[in-house]
Amino acid sequence: MNQKTALPTKIAKPAQRALSGAGITSLEQLTEMTKDEVMKLHGMGPKAMEQLCLALAEKDLYFAKK
């Protein structure tokens, strides 16, 4: 069974709302998107993106390539 990894809780509230609004609730879902796609979500900023990259890397996961 594929266990979903929760998003980091330390990211800023606007970024959390952006991800939630896009239906993203796990790190695994981010692997289906490119960094550019995630950055286009209203509320996402560079610091939140950095935190997501670190969280993905810790689980040996990565954003999709273009």
N, C-alpha and C. Protein backbone atom coordinates (compact mmCIF):
# COMPACT_ATOMS: atom_id res chain seq x y z
N MET A 1 0.84 -1.18 0.00
CA MET A 1 0.00 0.00 0.00
C MET A 1 0.89 1.25 0.00
N ASN A 2 0.53 2.22 -0.84
CA ASN A 2 1.30 3.45 -0.91
C ASN A 2 0.86 4.40 0.19
N GLN A 3 1.76 4.68 1.11
CA GLN A 3 1.45 5.60 2.19
C GLN A 3 1.75 7.02 1.73
N LYS A 4 0.83 7.92 1.96
CA LYS A 4 1.02 9.32 1.56
C LYS A 4 1.77 10.06 2.65
N THR A 5 2.67 10.94 2.23
CA THR A 5 3.46 11.73 3.16
C THR A 5 2.85 13.12 3.25
N ALA A 6 2.50 13.53 4.45
CA ALA A 6 1.87 14.83 4.67
C ALA A 6 2.80 15.97 4.26
N LEU A 7 2.20 17.05 3.86
CA LEU A 7 2.97 18.26 3.54
C LEU A 7 3.56 18.83 4.81
N PRO A 8 4.69 19.55 4.70
CA PRO A 8 5.27 20.16 5.91
C PRO A 8 4.30 21.17 6.52
N THR A 9 4.23 21.17 7.84
CA THR A 9 3.30 22.08 8.52
C THR A 9 3.90 23.47 8.73
N LYS A 10 5.20 23.61 8.52
CA LYS A 10 5.87 24.88 8.77
C LYS A 10 5.70 25.90 7.65
N ILE A 11 5.17 25.48 6.50
CA ILE A 11 5.05 26.44 5.40
C ILE A 11 3.98 27.47 5.74
N ALA A 12 4.13 28.65 5.16
CA ALA A 12 3.25 29.78 5.46
C ALA A 12 1.80 29.46 5.12
N LYS A 13 0.90 30.09 5.86
CA LYS A 13 -0.54 29.85 5.67
C LYS A 13 -1.00 30.11 4.23
N PRO A 14 -0.55 31.21 3.57
CA PRO A 14 -1.00 31.41 2.18
C PRO A 14 -0.59 30.24 1.27
N ALA A 15 0.60 29.71 1.48
CA ALA A 15 1.06 28.57 0.68
C ALA A 15 0.25 27.33 1.01
N GLN A 16 -0.06 27.13 2.29
CA GLN A 16 -0.89 25.99 2.69
C GLN A 16 -2.26 26.08 2.02
N ARG A 17 -2.84 27.28 2.01
CA ARG A 17 -4.15 27.47 1.37
C ARG A 17 -4.06 27.24 -0.14
N ALA A 18 -2.96 27.68 -0.75
CA ALA A 18 -2.78 27.49 -2.20
C ALA A 18 -2.74 26.00 -2.54
N LEU A 19 -1.99 25.25 -1.77
CA LEU A 19 -1.88 23.81 -2.02
C LEU A 19 -3.21 23.11 -1.76
N SER A 20 -3.85 23.46 -0.66
CA SER A 20 -5.13 22.88 -0.31
C SER A 20 -6.18 23.18 -1.39
N GLY A 21 -6.18 24.42 -1.86
CA GLY A 21 -7.11 24.83 -2.89
C GLY A 21 -6.92 24.07 -4.20
N ALA A 22 -5.68 23.65 -4.44
CA ALA A 22 -5.38 22.88 -5.65
C ALA A 22 -5.58 21.38 -5.42
N GLY A 23 -6.03 21.02 -4.21
CA GLY A 23 -6.29 19.62 -3.90
C GLY A 23 -5.04 18.83 -3.55
N ILE A 24 -3.96 19.54 -3.23
CA ILE A 24 -2.68 18.88 -2.91
C ILE A 24 -2.59 18.68 -1.41
N THR A 25 -2.53 17.43 -1.00
CA THR A 25 -2.49 17.11 0.43
C THR A 25 -1.28 16.26 0.82
N SER A 26 -0.49 15.85 -0.18
CA SER A 26 0.66 15.00 0.13
C SER A 26 1.85 15.35 -0.75
N LEU A 27 3.04 15.00 -0.28
CA LEU A 27 4.26 15.23 -1.06
C LEU A 27 4.21 14.45 -2.37
N GLU A 28 3.62 13.25 -2.33
CA GLU A 28 3.56 12.43 -3.54
C GLU A 28 2.81 13.13 -4.66
N GLN A 29 1.79 13.90 -4.32
CA GLN A 29 1.04 14.63 -5.34
C GLN A 29 1.91 15.69 -6.01
N LEU A 30 2.86 16.24 -5.27
CA LEU A 30 3.74 17.27 -5.83
C LEU A 30 4.66 16.68 -6.91
N THR A 31 4.93 15.39 -6.84
CA THR A 31 5.82 14.78 -7.83
C THR A 31 5.18 14.73 -9.22
N GLU A 32 3.88 15.00 -9.28
CA GLU A 32 3.17 15.02 -10.56
C GLU A 32 3.14 16.41 -11.17
N MET A 33 3.71 17.38 -10.45
CA MET A 33 3.72 18.78 -10.91
C MET A 33 5.15 19.28 -11.05
N THR A 34 5.33 20.27 -11.92
CA THR A 34 6.64 20.90 -12.03
C THR A 34 6.73 22.02 -10.99
N LYS A 35 7.95 22.46 -10.71
CA LYS A 35 8.13 23.59 -9.80
C LYS A 35 7.38 24.82 -10.31
N ASP A 36 7.44 25.05 -11.61
CA ASP A 36 6.77 26.21 -12.20
C ASP A 36 5.26 26.16 -11.96
N GLU A 37 4.69 24.97 -12.11
CA GLU A 37 3.24 24.83 -11.89
C GLU A 37 2.88 25.16 -10.45
N VAL A 38 3.68 24.69 -9.51
CA VAL A 38 3.41 24.93 -8.10
C VAL A 38 3.61 26.42 -7.78
N MET A 39 4.64 27.02 -8.34
CA MET A 39 4.90 28.44 -8.08
C MET A 39 3.79 29.34 -8.62
N LYS A 40 3.05 28.87 -9.62
CA LYS A 40 1.96 29.67 -10.18
C LYS A 40 0.73 29.70 -9.29
N LEU A 41 0.68 28.82 -8.29
CA LEU A 41 -0.46 28.81 -7.38
C LEU A 41 -0.43 30.09 -6.55
N HIS A 42 -1.58 30.75 -6.46
CA HIS A 42 -1.67 32.01 -5.72
C HIS A 42 -1.37 31.76 -4.24
N GLY A 43 -0.34 32.42 -3.73
CA GLY A 43 0.04 32.25 -2.33
C GLY A 43 1.37 31.54 -2.15
N MET A 44 1.86 30.92 -3.22
CA MET A 44 3.15 30.23 -3.12
C MET A 44 4.28 31.24 -3.28
N GLY A 45 5.28 31.11 -2.44
CA GLY A 45 6.44 32.00 -2.53
C GLY A 45 7.72 31.20 -2.50
N PRO A 46 8.85 31.89 -2.67
CA PRO A 46 10.14 31.20 -2.72
C PRO A 46 10.47 30.43 -1.45
N LYS A 47 10.12 30.97 -0.29
CA LYS A 47 10.45 30.28 0.96
C LYS A 47 9.64 28.98 1.08
N ALA A 48 8.35 29.05 0.75
CA ALA A 48 7.51 27.85 0.80
C ALA A 48 8.03 26.82 -0.19
N MET A 49 8.42 27.28 -1.37
CA MET A 49 8.95 26.35 -2.38
C MET A 49 10.22 25.67 -1.86
N GLU A 50 11.08 26.44 -1.22
CA GLU A 50 12.31 25.86 -0.65
C GLU A 50 11.96 24.79 0.38
N GLN A 51 10.98 25.08 1.23
CA GLN A 51 10.58 24.11 2.25
C GLN A 51 10.00 22.85 1.62
N LEU A 52 9.24 23.01 0.55
CA LEU A 52 8.69 21.85 -0.14
C LEU A 52 9.80 21.02 -0.79
N CYS A 53 10.77 21.70 -1.41
CA CYS A 53 11.90 20.99 -2.03
C CYS A 53 12.66 20.18 -1.00
N LEU A 54 12.90 20.76 0.16
CA LEU A 54 13.62 20.06 1.23
C LEU A 54 12.81 18.86 1.72
N ALA A 55 11.51 19.05 1.90
CA ALA A 55 10.66 17.95 2.37
C ALA A 55 10.63 16.82 1.35
N LEU A 56 10.55 17.16 0.07
CA LEU A 56 10.57 16.14 -0.98
C LEU A 56 11.90 15.39 -0.97
N ALA A 57 13.00 16.14 -0.91
CA ALA A 57 14.33 15.53 -0.95
C ALA A 57 14.54 14.57 0.22
N GLU A 58 14.01 14.92 1.39
CA GLU A 58 14.14 14.04 2.56
C GLU A 58 13.50 12.68 2.32
N LYS A 59 12.48 12.65 1.47
CA LYS A 59 11.78 11.39 1.17
C LYS A 59 12.24 10.82 -0.17
N ASP A 60 13.31 11.40 -0.73
CA ASP A 60 13.83 10.97 -2.04
C ASP A 60 12.77 11.12 -3.13
N LEU A 61 12.01 12.22 -3.04
CA LEU A 61 10.99 12.55 -4.04
C LEU A 61 11.39 13.86 -4.71
N TYR A 62 10.88 14.07 -5.92
CA TYR A 62 11.25 15.27 -6.68
C TYR A 62 10.08 15.76 -7.50
N PHE A 63 10.10 17.04 -7.83
CA PHE A 63 9.09 17.60 -8.71
C PHE A 63 9.23 16.97 -10.10
N ALA A 64 8.13 16.97 -10.84
CA ALA A 64 8.15 16.46 -12.21
C ALA A 64 9.03 17.36 -13.07
N LYS A 65 9.63 16.77 -14.08
CA LYS A 65 10.39 17.56 -15.05
C LYS A 65 9.44 18.07 -16.11
N LYS A 66 9.83 19.14 -16.77
CA LYS A 66 8.96 19.74 -17.79
C LYS A 66 8.71 18.80 -18.93
